[in-house]
Amino acid sequence: MRILVIEDDPVLANGLSVGLRLAGFSPEAVGCLADARAALAGDNGAFGALVLDIGLPDGEGTEMLAQMRAAGDRRPVLLLTARDRVADRIAGLDQGADDYMGKPFDLDELAARLRALLRRNEGRARPVLEWNGLIARLDTMTGDFHGAPVKFSPREFVLLHHLMERPGAIRSKAELEERLYGWNEEVESNTVEVHVHKLRAKLGAGFIETVRGMGYRLAAESGDGGAG
């Protein structure tokens, strides 16, 4: 899941990006509200959630949050700020934030809170996705396939997660590349095909279908399980 991190401290922003990537997210970091608005304007909904500082060089993060909510943008927002008084937390939540963490913070807890927000936003009660005999655990990026444990690389899991969110939907190559890579990362021409090939080697050649000229989707449910 792509996460937009709005944090003006470059050291903290880099640490967040590294940590969230290790936790299975695809983070993008910007340092001001102007860049955040530009990123959201061109993302076509690709960012699943935001980690938002309040005190930024060009304004208050809560200003952008209020504008998002007024425009009907309902994606989860976690405020991450040094302002950690009870009154600050109440104000942030009342202005539309879905969660609030004070600095300093534990990165594992931040990742867990993001997973919970995304799960709630997707209408799922459990931290797993299920399809055709595969149980994929979002917190550990591992799974069980017909009862046997299976491991995935972070990018294999990101691609699989995106397909399993809507098993019948066709995901284009460009859409999958957006999930796998950040703005400043060079994308190799065959990267999606390579990861799909590796996933098929682990889950069977028919688990992921190629829809010629359109992209990829999961094969129709065979009766072994359903979408979680």
Protein backbone atom coordinates (compact mmCIF):
# COMPACT_ATOMS: atom_id res chain seq x y z
CA MET A 1 0.00 0.00 0.00
CA ARG A 2 1.36 3.42 -0.97
CA ILE A 3 1.61 5.84 1.96
CA LEU A 4 2.24 9.58 1.66
CA VAL A 5 4.46 10.87 4.47
CA ILE A 6 4.38 14.65 5.00
CA GLU A 7 7.30 15.47 7.32
CA ASP A 8 9.70 18.41 7.07
CA ASP A 9 12.54 16.85 9.11
CA PRO A 10 14.58 15.06 6.40
CA VAL A 11 16.23 12.65 8.84
CA LEU A 12 12.90 11.60 10.33
CA ALA A 13 11.26 11.42 6.90
CA ASN A 14 14.01 9.14 5.64
CA GLY A 15 13.75 6.93 8.73
CA LEU A 16 9.99 6.69 8.29
CA SER A 17 10.38 5.78 4.64
CA VAL A 18 12.92 3.04 5.36
CA GLY A 19 10.95 1.62 8.25
CA LEU A 20 7.59 1.64 6.48
CA ARG A 21 9.11 0.02 3.41
CA LEU A 22 10.48 -2.79 5.60
CA ALA A 23 6.97 -3.16 7.05
CA GLY A 24 5.54 -3.78 3.57
CA PHE A 25 4.35 -0.31 2.63
CA SER A 26 5.39 1.84 -0.34
CA PRO A 27 6.05 5.24 1.27
CA GLU A 28 6.64 8.56 -0.49
CA ALA A 29 7.94 11.46 1.58
CA VAL A 30 7.45 15.19 1.00
CA GLY A 31 8.43 18.07 3.24
CA CYS A 32 5.72 20.70 2.81
CA LEU A 33 2.01 21.15 2.18
CA ALA A 34 2.51 22.37 -1.40
CA ASP A 35 4.32 19.18 -2.38
CA ALA A 36 1.75 17.09 -0.51
CA ARG A 37 -1.12 18.71 -2.40
CA ALA A 38 0.69 18.19 -5.70
CA ALA A 39 1.26 14.53 -4.87
CA LEU A 40 -2.38 13.96 -3.97
CA ALA A 41 -3.63 15.85 -7.02
CA GLY A 42 -1.81 13.48 -9.37
CA ASP A 43 -2.08 10.20 -7.53
CA ASN A 44 -5.44 8.97 -8.89
CA GLY A 45 -6.21 7.56 -5.45
CA ALA A 46 -3.03 5.47 -5.33
CA PHE A 47 -2.07 6.67 -1.84
CA GLY A 48 -3.99 4.53 0.63
CA ALA A 49 -3.22 6.65 3.69
CA LEU A 50 -1.28 9.69 4.92
CA VAL A 51 1.14 10.20 7.79
CA LEU A 52 0.90 13.94 8.40
CA ASP A 53 2.92 16.29 10.58
CA ILE A 54 1.10 19.35 11.89
CA GLY A 55 3.79 22.04 11.97
CA LEU A 56 5.10 22.36 8.40
CA PRO A 57 7.12 25.16 6.73
CA ASP A 58 4.19 26.45 4.68
CA GLY A 59 1.32 25.95 7.12
CA GLU A 60 -0.51 23.61 9.45
CA GLY A 61 -1.09 20.02 8.42
CA THR A 62 -4.57 20.24 9.88
CA GLU A 63 -5.42 22.89 7.26
CA MET A 64 -4.82 20.39 4.48
CA LEU A 65 -6.67 17.72 6.45
CA ALA A 66 -9.74 19.95 6.74
CA GLN A 67 -9.61 20.66 2.99
CA MET A 68 -9.37 16.94 2.21
CA ARG A 69 -12.40 16.13 4.34
CA ALA A 70 -14.39 19.04 2.89
CA ALA A 71 -13.65 17.70 -0.60
CA GLY A 72 -14.90 14.23 0.36
CA ASP A 73 -11.47 12.59 0.60
CA ARG A 74 -11.99 9.84 3.17
CA ARG A 75 -8.64 8.06 3.04
CA PRO A 76 -7.07 7.46 6.49
CA VAL A 77 -4.86 10.17 7.97
CA LEU A 78 -2.56 9.59 10.94
CA LEU A 79 -1.24 12.76 12.55
CA LEU A 80 2.37 12.35 13.72
CA THR A 81 3.52 15.38 15.67
CA ALA A 82 5.47 16.69 18.65
CA ARG A 83 2.28 18.40 19.83
CA ASP A 84 1.06 15.68 22.14
CA ARG A 85 -1.06 17.39 24.77
CA VAL A 86 -4.53 15.97 25.30
CA ALA A 87 -6.04 19.16 23.86
CA ASP A 88 -3.88 18.78 20.71
CA ARG A 89 -4.98 15.17 20.23
CA ILE A 90 -8.64 16.06 20.69
CA ALA A 91 -8.36 18.94 18.20
CA GLY A 92 -6.60 16.78 15.61
CA LEU A 93 -9.14 13.97 15.83
CA ASP A 94 -12.05 16.43 15.72
CA GLN A 95 -10.58 18.01 12.58
CA GLY A 96 -10.81 14.70 10.73
CA ALA A 97 -7.74 12.66 11.67
CA ASP A 98 -8.24 8.92 12.05
CA ASP A 99 -5.39 8.48 14.53
CA TYR A 100 -2.84 10.58 16.39
CA MET A 101 0.68 9.72 17.56
CA GLY A 102 3.12 11.92 19.43
CA LYS A 103 6.86 12.13 18.83
CA PRO A 104 8.97 10.25 19.76
CA PHE A 105 7.16 7.12 18.59
CA ASP A 106 7.72 3.43 18.03
CA LEU A 107 7.94 2.56 14.34
CA ASP A 108 6.42 -0.90 14.79
CA GLU A 109 3.43 0.66 16.53
CA LEU A 110 3.08 3.22 13.74
CA ALA A 111 3.04 0.44 11.13
CA ALA A 112 0.48 -1.52 13.16
CA ARG A 113 -1.76 1.52 13.47
CA LEU A 114 -1.56 2.13 9.73
CA ARG A 115 -2.52 -1.49 9.04
CA ALA A 116 -5.48 -1.11 11.39
CA LEU A 117 -6.61 2.12 9.69
CA LEU A 118 -6.33 0.56 6.24
CA ARG A 119 -8.15 -2.57 7.36
CA ARG A 120 -10.99 -0.51 8.80
CA ASN A 121 -11.14 1.66 5.68
CA GLU A 122 -11.40 -1.47 3.51
CA GLY A 123 -14.15 -2.93 5.72
CA ARG A 124 -12.11 -5.89 6.96
CA ALA A 125 -12.12 -7.06 10.58
CA ARG A 126 -9.11 -9.37 10.32
CA PRO A 127 -5.50 -8.54 9.31
CA VAL A 128 -5.55 -11.15 6.54
CA LEU A 129 -6.71 -11.55 2.96
CA GLU A 130 -7.99 -14.89 1.69
CA TRP A 131 -8.46 -16.23 -1.83
CA ASN A 132 -8.38 -19.64 -3.49
CA GLY A 133 -6.65 -21.43 -0.64
CA LEU A 134 -4.22 -18.60 0.16
CA ILE A 135 -4.26 -16.80 3.50
CA ALA A 136 -2.04 -13.70 3.29
CA ARG A 137 -1.06 -12.06 6.60
CA LEU A 138 -0.66 -8.31 6.22
CA ASP A 139 1.34 -7.83 9.41
CA THR A 140 4.10 -10.34 8.59
CA MET A 141 3.93 -10.43 4.76
CA THR A 142 3.69 -14.23 4.92
CA GLY A 143 0.99 -16.69 4.06
CA ASP A 144 -0.37 -20.21 4.08
CA PHE A 145 -1.32 -21.81 0.78
CA HIS A 146 -3.60 -24.81 1.24
CA GLY A 147 -2.13 -25.18 4.73
CA ALA A 148 1.54 -24.93 3.74
CA PRO A 149 3.58 -21.86 4.79
CA VAL A 150 4.79 -19.60 2.00
CA LYS A 151 7.12 -16.60 2.12
CA PHE A 152 7.15 -13.55 -0.14
CA SER A 153 9.60 -10.77 -0.84
CA PRO A 154 8.28 -7.30 0.12
CA ARG A 155 7.52 -6.39 -3.49
CA GLU A 156 5.95 -9.76 -4.24
CA PHE A 157 3.65 -9.19 -1.27
CA VAL A 158 2.80 -5.63 -2.31
CA LEU A 159 1.77 -6.85 -5.76
CA LEU A 160 -0.17 -9.80 -4.31
CA HIS A 161 -1.88 -7.55 -1.75
CA HIS A 162 -3.06 -5.19 -4.47
CA LEU A 163 -4.50 -8.07 -6.51
CA MET A 164 -6.18 -9.62 -3.46
CA GLU A 165 -7.87 -6.37 -2.42
CA ARG A 166 -10.24 -6.81 -5.38
CA PRO A 167 -9.72 -10.31 -6.79
CA GLY A 168 -11.96 -9.89 -9.82
CA ALA A 169 -10.55 -6.51 -10.85
CA ILE A 170 -8.00 -6.22 -13.63
CA ARG A 171 -4.90 -4.35 -12.49
CA SER A 172 -2.90 -2.73 -15.27
CA LYS A 173 0.87 -2.99 -15.45
CA ALA A 174 1.17 0.76 -14.85
CA GLU A 175 -1.04 0.53 -11.75
CA LEU A 176 1.04 -2.31 -10.33
CA GLU A 177 4.27 -0.41 -11.06
CA GLU A 178 2.86 2.54 -9.10
CA ARG A 179 2.33 0.28 -6.10
CA LEU A 180 5.78 -1.28 -6.36
CA TYR A 181 7.93 1.80 -6.85
CA GLY A 182 8.24 5.36 -5.63
CA TRP A 183 8.51 8.56 -7.62
CA ASN A 184 12.30 8.62 -7.62
CA GLU A 185 12.88 4.94 -8.33
CA GLU A 186 13.70 3.73 -11.80
CA VAL A 187 11.27 1.05 -12.96
CA GLU A 188 12.65 -1.74 -15.09
CA SER A 189 10.50 -2.57 -18.10
CA ASN A 190 9.79 -6.16 -17.06
CA THR A 191 9.58 -5.75 -13.28
CA VAL A 192 5.88 -6.65 -13.00
CA GLU A 193 6.30 -9.72 -15.19
CA VAL A 194 9.22 -10.91 -13.05
CA HIS A 195 7.24 -10.63 -9.80
CA VAL A 196 4.16 -12.26 -11.34
CA HIS A 197 6.36 -15.13 -12.53
CA LYS A 198 7.77 -15.59 -9.02
CA LEU A 199 4.31 -15.53 -7.46
CA ARG A 200 3.06 -18.12 -9.95
CA ALA A 201 6.01 -20.34 -9.06
CA LYS A 202 4.86 -20.25 -5.43
CA LEU A 203 1.09 -20.32 -5.89
CA GLY A 204 0.59 -22.16 -9.17
CA ALA A 205 0.56 -20.99 -12.77
CA GLY A 206 -3.19 -20.39 -12.73
CA PHE A 207 -3.43 -18.32 -9.54
CA ILE A 208 -2.81 -15.03 -11.39
CA GLU A 209 -4.37 -14.57 -14.82
CA THR A 210 -2.94 -12.41 -17.59
CA VAL A 211 -5.65 -10.41 -19.36
CA ARG A 212 -4.08 -9.67 -22.71
CA GLY A 213 -3.66 -5.97 -23.40
CA MET A 214 -5.13 -5.00 -20.00
CA GLY A 215 -3.15 -6.41 -17.08
CA TYR A 216 -3.54 -9.03 -14.38
CA ARG A 217 -6.19 -10.38 -12.01
CA LEU A 218 -6.63 -13.31 -9.68
CA ALA A 219 -8.22 -16.43 -11.12
CA ALA A 220 -11.88 -17.01 -10.29
CA GLU A 221 -12.61 -18.53 -6.91
CA SER A 222 -12.48 -22.32 -6.98
CA GLY A 223 -14.44 -22.98 -3.80
CA ASP A 224 -11.46 -23.28 -1.45
CA GLY A 225 -12.03 -19.90 0.17
CA GLY A 226 -13.28 -16.39 -0.27
CA ALA A 227 -12.05 -12.85 -0.15
CA GLY A 228 -11.38 -11.68 3.39
